[in-house]
PDB file of N, CA and C in Angstrom:
ATOM      1  N   UNK A   1      -0.237  68.404  22.493  1.00  0.00           N
ATOM      2  CA  UNK A   1      -1.035  68.156  23.664  1.00  0.00           C
ATOM      3  C   UNK A   1      -2.500  67.940  23.298  1.00  0.00           C
ATOM      4  N   UNK A   2      -2.935  68.522  22.174  1.00  0.00           N
ATOM      5  CA  UNK A   2      -4.324  68.334  21.745  1.00  0.00           C
ATOM      6  C   UNK A   2      -4.621  66.870  21.442  1.00  0.00           C
ATOM      7  N   UNK A   3      -3.658  66.166  20.822  1.00  0.00           N
ATOM      8  CA  UNK A   3      -3.859  64.750  20.503  1.00  0.00           C
ATOM      9  C   UNK A   3      -3.985  63.919  21.772  1.00  0.00           C
ATOM     10  N   UNK A   4      -3.178  64.223  22.769  1.00  0.00           N
ATOM     11  CA  UNK A   4      -3.245  63.501  24.041  1.00  0.00           C
ATOM     12  C   UNK A   4      -4.578  63.740  24.732  1.00  0.00           C
ATOM     13  N   UNK A   5      -5.053  64.961  24.713  1.00  0.00           N
ATOM     14  CA  UNK A   5      -6.354  65.295  25.299  1.00  0.00           C
ATOM     15  C   UNK A   5      -7.467  64.528  24.591  1.00  0.00           C
ATOM     16  N   UNK A   6      -7.416  64.484  23.276  1.00  0.00           N
ATOM     17  CA  UNK A   6      -8.430  63.745  22.509  1.00  0.00           C
ATOM     18  C   UNK A   6      -8.368  62.253  22.810  1.00  0.00           C
ATOM     19  N   UNK A   7      -7.161  61.699  22.876  1.00  0.00           N
ATOM     20  CA  UNK A   7      -7.004  60.271  23.180  1.00  0.00           C
ATOM     21  C   UNK A   7      -7.555  59.939  24.563  1.00  0.00           C
ATOM     22  N   UNK A   8      -7.332  60.787  25.542  1.00  0.00           N
ATOM     23  CA  UNK A   8      -7.860  60.561  26.893  1.00  0.00           C
ATOM     24  C   UNK A   8      -9.383  60.638  26.908  1.00  0.00           C
ATOM     25  N   UNK A   9      -9.931  61.516  26.126  1.00  0.00           N
ATOM     26  CA  UNK A   9     -11.390  61.697  26.088  1.00  0.00           C
ATOM     27  C   UNK A   9     -12.066  60.560  25.326  1.00  0.00           C
ATOM     28  N   UNK A  10     -11.466  60.114  24.225  1.00  0.00           N
ATOM     29  CA  UNK A  10     -12.119  59.159  23.338  1.00  0.00           C
ATOM     30  C   UNK A  10     -11.620  57.726  23.483  1.00  0.00           C
ATOM     31  N   UNK A  11     -10.453  57.531  24.073  1.00  0.00           N
ATOM     32  CA  UNK A  11      -9.839  56.202  24.113  1.00  0.00           C
ATOM     33  C   UNK A  11     -10.333  55.309  25.241  1.00  0.00           C
ATOM     34  N   UNK A  12      -9.834  54.095  25.217  1.00  0.00           N
ATOM     35  CA  UNK A  12     -10.201  53.104  26.223  1.00  0.00           C
ATOM     36  C   UNK A  12      -9.366  53.203  27.494  1.00  0.00           C
ATOM     37  N   UNK A  13      -8.237  53.873  27.432  1.00  0.00           N
ATOM     38  CA  UNK A  13      -7.393  54.054  28.617  1.00  0.00           C
ATOM     39  C   UNK A  13      -6.798  55.449  28.598  1.00  0.00           C
ATOM     40  N   UNK A  14      -6.225  55.858  29.718  1.00  0.00           N
ATOM     41  CA  UNK A  14      -5.786  57.236  29.922  1.00  0.00           C
ATOM     42  C   UNK A  14      -4.265  57.346  29.905  1.00  0.00           C
ATOM     43  N   UNK A  15      -3.788  58.417  29.287  1.00  0.00           N
ATOM     44  CA  UNK A  15      -2.372  58.765  29.309  1.00  0.00           C
ATOM     45  C   UNK A  15      -2.178  59.936  30.258  1.00  0.00           C
ATOM     46  N   UNK A  16      -1.108  59.916  31.037  1.00  0.00           N
ATOM     47  CA  UNK A  16      -0.727  61.062  31.862  1.00  0.00           C
ATOM     48  C   UNK A  16       0.714  61.405  31.543  1.00  0.00           C
ATOM     49  N   UNK A  17       1.035  62.681  31.547  1.00  0.00           N
ATOM     50  CA  UNK A  17       2.383  63.151  31.275  1.00  0.00           C
ATOM     51  C   UNK A  17       2.921  63.808  32.534  1.00  0.00           C
ATOM     52  N   UNK A  18       4.120  63.405  32.941  1.00  0.00           N
ATOM     53  CA  UNK A  18       4.759  63.959  34.135  1.00  0.00           C
ATOM     54  C   UNK A  18       5.229  65.376  33.852  1.00  0.00           C
ATOM     55  N   UNK A  19       4.855  66.272  34.722  1.00  0.00           N
ATOM     56  CA  UNK A  19       5.351  67.644  34.625  1.00  0.00           C
ATOM     57  C   UNK A  19       6.315  67.920  35.767  1.00  0.00           C
ATOM     58  N   UNK A  20       5.910  67.635  36.979  1.00  0.00           N
ATOM     59  CA  UNK A  20       6.767  67.813  38.151  1.00  0.00           C
ATOM     60  C   UNK A  20       6.690  66.546  38.998  1.00  0.00           C
ATOM     61  N   UNK A  21       7.844  65.978  39.326  1.00  0.00           N
ATOM     62  CA  UNK A  21       7.898  64.696  40.037  1.00  0.00           C
ATOM     63  C   UNK A  21       7.168  64.735  41.379  1.00  0.00           C
ATOM     64  N   UNK A  22       7.159  65.859  42.065  1.00  0.00           N
ATOM     65  CA  UNK A  22       6.515  65.915  43.379  1.00  0.00           C
ATOM     66  C   UNK A  22       5.000  65.702  43.300  1.00  0.00           C
ATOM     67  N   UNK A  23       4.434  65.855  42.112  1.00  0.00           N
ATOM     68  CA  UNK A  23       3.002  65.616  41.942  1.00  0.00           C
ATOM     69  C   UNK A  23       2.678  64.129  41.844  1.00  0.00           C
ATOM     70  N   UNK A  24       3.678  63.282  41.709  1.00  0.00           N
ATOM     71  CA  UNK A  24       3.484  61.846  41.486  1.00  0.00           C
ATOM     72  C   UNK A  24       4.068  61.067  42.659  1.00  0.00           C
ATOM     73  N   UNK A  25       3.367  60.995  43.732  1.00  0.00           N
ATOM     74  CA  UNK A  25       3.849  60.309  44.934  1.00  0.00           C
ATOM     75  C   UNK A  25       3.995  58.810  44.663  1.00  0.00           C
ATOM     76  N   UNK A  26       5.072  58.213  45.168  1.00  0.00           N
ATOM     77  CA  UNK A  26       5.288  56.781  45.030  1.00  0.00           C
ATOM     78  C   UNK A  26       6.030  56.363  43.779  1.00  0.00           C
ATOM     79  N   UNK A  27       6.316  57.303  42.891  1.00  0.00           N
ATOM     80  CA  UNK A  27       7.041  56.982  41.670  1.00  0.00           C
ATOM     81  C   UNK A  27       8.506  57.340  41.846  1.00  0.00           C
ATOM     82  N   UNK A  28       9.399  56.478  41.367  1.00  0.00           N
ATOM     83  CA  UNK A  28      10.836  56.714  41.445  1.00  0.00           C
ATOM     84  C   UNK A  28      11.315  57.242  40.097  1.00  0.00           C
ATOM     85  N   UNK A  29      11.782  58.479  40.058  1.00  0.00           N
ATOM     86  CA  UNK A  29      12.226  59.099  38.806  1.00  0.00           C
ATOM     87  C   UNK A  29      13.729  59.345  38.799  1.00  0.00           C
ATOM     88  N   UNK A  30      14.508  58.326  39.159  1.00  0.00           N
ATOM     89  CA  UNK A  30      15.959  58.486  39.218  1.00  0.00           C
ATOM     90  C   UNK A  30      16.657  58.270  37.888  1.00  0.00           C
ATOM     91  N   UNK A  31      15.953  57.719  36.904  1.00  0.00           N
ATOM     92  CA  UNK A  31      16.574  57.518  35.591  1.00  0.00           C
ATOM     93  C   UNK A  31      15.519  57.681  34.498  1.00  0.00           C
ATOM     94  N   UNK A  32      15.989  57.860  33.266  1.00  0.00           N
ATOM     95  CA  UNK A  32      15.082  57.968  32.134  1.00  0.00           C
ATOM     96  C   UNK A  32      15.617  57.125  30.997  1.00  0.00           C
ATOM     97  N   UNK A  33      14.824  56.624  30.111  1.00  0.00           N
ATOM     98  CA  UNK A  33      13.362  56.676  30.169  1.00  0.00           C
ATOM     99  C   UNK A  33      12.820  55.645  31.146  1.00  0.00           C
ATOM    100  N   UNK A  34      11.636  55.872  31.598  1.00  0.00           N
ATOM    101  CA  UNK A  34      10.939  54.932  32.470  1.00  0.00           C
ATOM    102  C   UNK A  34       9.486  54.842  32.034  1.00  0.00           C
ATOM    103  N   UNK A  35       8.914  53.670  32.191  1.00  0.00           N
ATOM    104  CA  UNK A  35       7.511  53.446  31.892  1.00  0.00           C
ATOM    105  C   UNK A  35       6.869  52.829  33.121  1.00  0.00           C
ATOM    106  N   UNK A  36       5.755  53.405  33.545  1.00  0.00           N
ATOM    107  CA  UNK A  36       5.005  52.887  34.683  1.00  0.00           C
ATOM    108  C   UNK A  36       3.645  52.431  34.173  1.00  0.00           C
ATOM    109  N   UNK A  37       3.279  51.218  34.492  1.00  0.00           N
ATOM    110  CA  UNK A  37       1.989  50.663  34.110  1.00  0.00           C
ATOM    111  C   UNK A  37       1.124  50.674  35.364  1.00  0.00           C
ATOM    112  N   UNK A  38       0.091  51.491  35.340  1.00  0.00           N
ATOM    113  CA  UNK A  38      -0.715  51.754  36.538  1.00  0.00           C
ATOM    114  C   UNK A  38      -2.144  51.298  36.293  1.00  0.00           C
ATOM    115  N   UNK A  39      -2.707  50.597  37.287  1.00  0.00           N
ATOM    116  CA  UNK A  39      -4.111  50.199  37.227  1.00  0.00           C
ATOM    117  C   UNK A  39      -4.734  50.511  38.573  1.00  0.00           C
ATOM    118  N   UNK A  40      -5.853  51.211  38.539  1.00  0.00           N
ATOM    119  CA  UNK A  40      -6.574  51.593  39.757  1.00  0.00           C
ATOM    120  C   UNK A  40      -5.675  52.333  40.747  1.00  0.00           C
ATOM    121  N   UNK A  41      -4.802  53.205  40.219  1.00  0.00           N
ATOM    122  CA  UNK A  41      -3.938  54.025  41.057  1.00  0.00           C
ATOM    123  C   UNK A  41      -2.735  53.312  41.641  1.00  0.00           C
ATOM    124  N   UNK A  42      -2.500  52.053  41.278  1.00  0.00           N
ATOM    125  CA  UNK A  42      -1.387  51.267  41.815  1.00  0.00           C
ATOM    126  C   UNK A  42      -0.417  50.901  40.690  1.00  0.00           C
ATOM    127  N   UNK A  43       0.878  51.047  40.943  1.00  0.00           N
ATOM    128  CA  UNK A  43       1.887  50.647  39.969  1.00  0.00           C
ATOM    129  C   UNK A  43       1.910  49.125  39.908  1.00  0.00           C
ATOM    130  N   UNK A  44       1.570  48.577  38.746  1.00  0.00           N
ATOM    131  CA  UNK A  44       1.564  47.127  38.557  1.00  0.00           C
ATOM    132  C   UNK A  44       2.895  46.628  37.996  1.00  0.00           C
ATOM    133  N   UNK A  45       3.590  47.509  37.255  1.00  0.00           N
ATOM    134  CA  UNK A  45       4.809  47.094  36.583  1.00  0.00           C
ATOM    135  C   UNK A  45       5.567  48.353  36.202  1.00  0.00           C
ATOM    136  N   UNK A  46       6.883  48.311  36.264  1.00  0.00           N
ATOM    137  CA  UNK A  46       7.704  49.460  35.884  1.00  0.00           C
ATOM    138  C   UNK A  46       8.893  48.983  35.062  1.00  0.00           C
ATOM    139  N   UNK A  47       9.257  49.780  34.082  1.00  0.00           N
ATOM    140  CA  UNK A  47      10.431  49.492  33.259  1.00  0.00           C
ATOM    141  C   UNK A  47      11.349  50.695  33.334  1.00  0.00           C
ATOM    142  N   UNK A  48      12.572  50.449  33.734  1.00  0.00           N
ATOM    143  CA  UNK A  48      13.599  51.482  33.660  1.00  0.00           C
ATOM    144  C   UNK A  48      14.427  51.188  32.423  1.00  0.00           C
ATOM    145  N   UNK A  49      15.182  52.153  31.952  1.00  0.00           N
ATOM    146  CA  UNK A  49      15.939  51.968  30.716  1.00  0.00           C
ATOM    147  C   UNK A  49      16.714  50.652  30.754  1.00  0.00           C
ATOM    148  N   UNK A  50      16.807  50.015  29.617  1.00  0.00           N
ATOM    149  CA  UNK A  50      17.483  48.721  29.552  1.00  0.00           C
ATOM    150  C   UNK A  50      17.900  48.397  28.146  1.00  0.00           C
ATOM    151  N   UNK A  51      18.288  47.156  27.943  1.00  0.00           N
ATOM    152  CA  UNK A  51      18.749  46.717  26.632  1.00  0.00           C
ATOM    153  C   UNK A  51      17.590  46.725  25.635  1.00  0.00           C
ATOM    154  N   UNK A  52      17.884  47.197  24.437  1.00  0.00           N
ATOM    155  CA  UNK A  52      16.871  47.311  23.397  1.00  0.00           C
ATOM    156  C   UNK A  52      16.255  45.961  23.054  1.00  0.00           C
ATOM    157  N   UNK A  53      17.055  44.905  23.022  1.00  0.00           N
ATOM    158  CA  UNK A  53      16.552  43.582  22.658  1.00  0.00           C
ATOM    159  C   UNK A  53      15.478  43.097  23.629  1.00  0.00           C
ATOM    160  N   UNK A  54      15.556  43.476  24.874  1.00  0.00           N
ATOM    161  CA  UNK A  54      14.592  43.046  25.890  1.00  0.00           C
ATOM    162  C   UNK A  54      13.416  44.011  26.016  1.00  0.00           C
ATOM    163  N   UNK A  55      13.552  45.203  25.497  1.00  0.00           N
ATOM    164  CA  UNK A  55      12.601  46.269  25.764  1.00  0.00           C
ATOM    165  C   UNK A  55      11.191  45.956  25.265  1.00  0.00           C
ATOM    166  N   UNK A  56      11.056  45.469  24.028  1.00  0.00           N
ATOM    167  CA  UNK A  56       9.728  45.169  23.484  1.00  0.00           C
ATOM    168  C   UNK A  56       9.019  44.105  24.315  1.00  0.00           C
ATOM    169  N   UNK A  57       9.737  43.087  24.721  1.00  0.00           N
ATOM    170  CA  UNK A  57       9.141  42.028  25.542  1.00  0.00           C
ATOM    171  C   UNK A  57       8.707  42.578  26.893  1.00  0.00           C
ATOM    172  N   UNK A  58       9.505  43.461  27.473  1.00  0.00           N
ATOM    173  CA  UNK A  58       9.153  44.049  28.766  1.00  0.00           C
ATOM    174  C   UNK A  58       7.940  44.975  28.640  1.00  0.00           C
ATOM    175  N   UNK A  59       7.847  45.728  27.537  1.00  0.00           N
ATOM    176  CA  UNK A  59       6.661  46.549  27.305  1.00  0.00           C
ATOM    177  C   UNK A  59       5.415  45.675  27.183  1.00  0.00           C
ATOM    178  N   UNK A  60       5.519  44.586  26.442  1.00  0.00           N
ATOM    179  CA  UNK A  60       4.386  43.665  26.285  1.00  0.00           C
ATOM    180  C   UNK A  60       3.975  43.083  27.632  1.00  0.00           C
ATOM    181  N   UNK A  61       4.942  42.754  28.472  1.00  0.00           N
ATOM    182  CA  UNK A  61       4.630  42.222  29.801  1.00  0.00           C
ATOM    183  C   UNK A  61       3.905  43.258  30.652  1.00  0.00           C
ATOM    184  N   UNK A  62       4.355  44.494  30.590  1.00  0.00           N
ATOM    185  CA  UNK A  62       3.691  45.569  31.343  1.00  0.00           C
ATOM    186  C   UNK A  62       2.266  45.785  30.883  1.00  0.00           C
ATOM    187  N   UNK A  63       2.049  45.791  29.570  1.00  0.00           N
ATOM    188  CA  UNK A  63       0.701  45.946  29.031  1.00  0.00           C
ATOM    189  C   UNK A  63      -0.203  44.800  29.465  1.00  0.00           C
ATOM    190  N   UNK A  64       0.340  43.586  29.483  1.00  0.00           N
ATOM    191  CA  UNK A  64      -0.442  42.423  29.911  1.00  0.00           C
ATOM    192  C   UNK A  64      -0.832  42.531  31.384  1.00  0.00           C
ATOM    193  N   UNK A  65       0.068  43.055  32.204  1.00  0.00           N
ATOM    194  CA  UNK A  65      -0.214  43.159  33.649  1.00  0.00           C
ATOM    195  C   UNK A  65      -1.350  44.115  33.961  1.00  0.00           C
ATOM    196  N   UNK A  66      -1.591  45.096  33.069  1.00  0.00           N
ATOM    197  CA  UNK A  66      -2.704  46.017  33.315  1.00  0.00           C
ATOM    198  C   UNK A  66      -3.882  45.738  32.395  1.00  0.00           C
ATOM    199  N   UNK A  67      -3.844  44.586  31.728  1.00  0.00           N
ATOM    200  CA  UNK A  67      -4.993  44.153  30.937  1.00  0.00           C
ATOM    201  C   UNK A  67      -5.143  44.771  29.574  1.00  0.00           C
ATOM    202  N   UNK A  68      -4.064  45.280  28.994  1.00  0.00           N
ATOM    203  CA  UNK A  68      -4.148  45.906  27.679  1.00  0.00           C
ATOM    204  C   UNK A  68      -3.549  45.052  26.576  1.00  0.00           C
ATOM    205  N   UNK A  69      -3.180  43.835  26.893  1.00  0.00           N
ATOM    206  CA  UNK A  69      -2.627  42.936  25.865  1.00  0.00           C
ATOM    207  C   UNK A  69      -2.978  41.518  26.178  1.00  0.00           C
TER     208      UNK A  69
END
C-alpha cells in the first residue's frame, strides 16, 4: 500500500483500490476482473473479463479514452 500511496502523491494520475462496493456508486461489480477508466468522476470506459487476445487492445483503448495514451 505504501507504493500506491507514493504513486498517487508523486504521479500524474491517481489509483484507487476498491474496498467495499457500496462506497463506489454507479459501478457494476458483478464480475472480476474489471477495469474502470474514470475521468473527472465519470466512467469513460469499462472492461469486464474477456479473451486474453483482445485484452491488451481494450486496455489501450481505455487508456486513450481518458487521455493516458
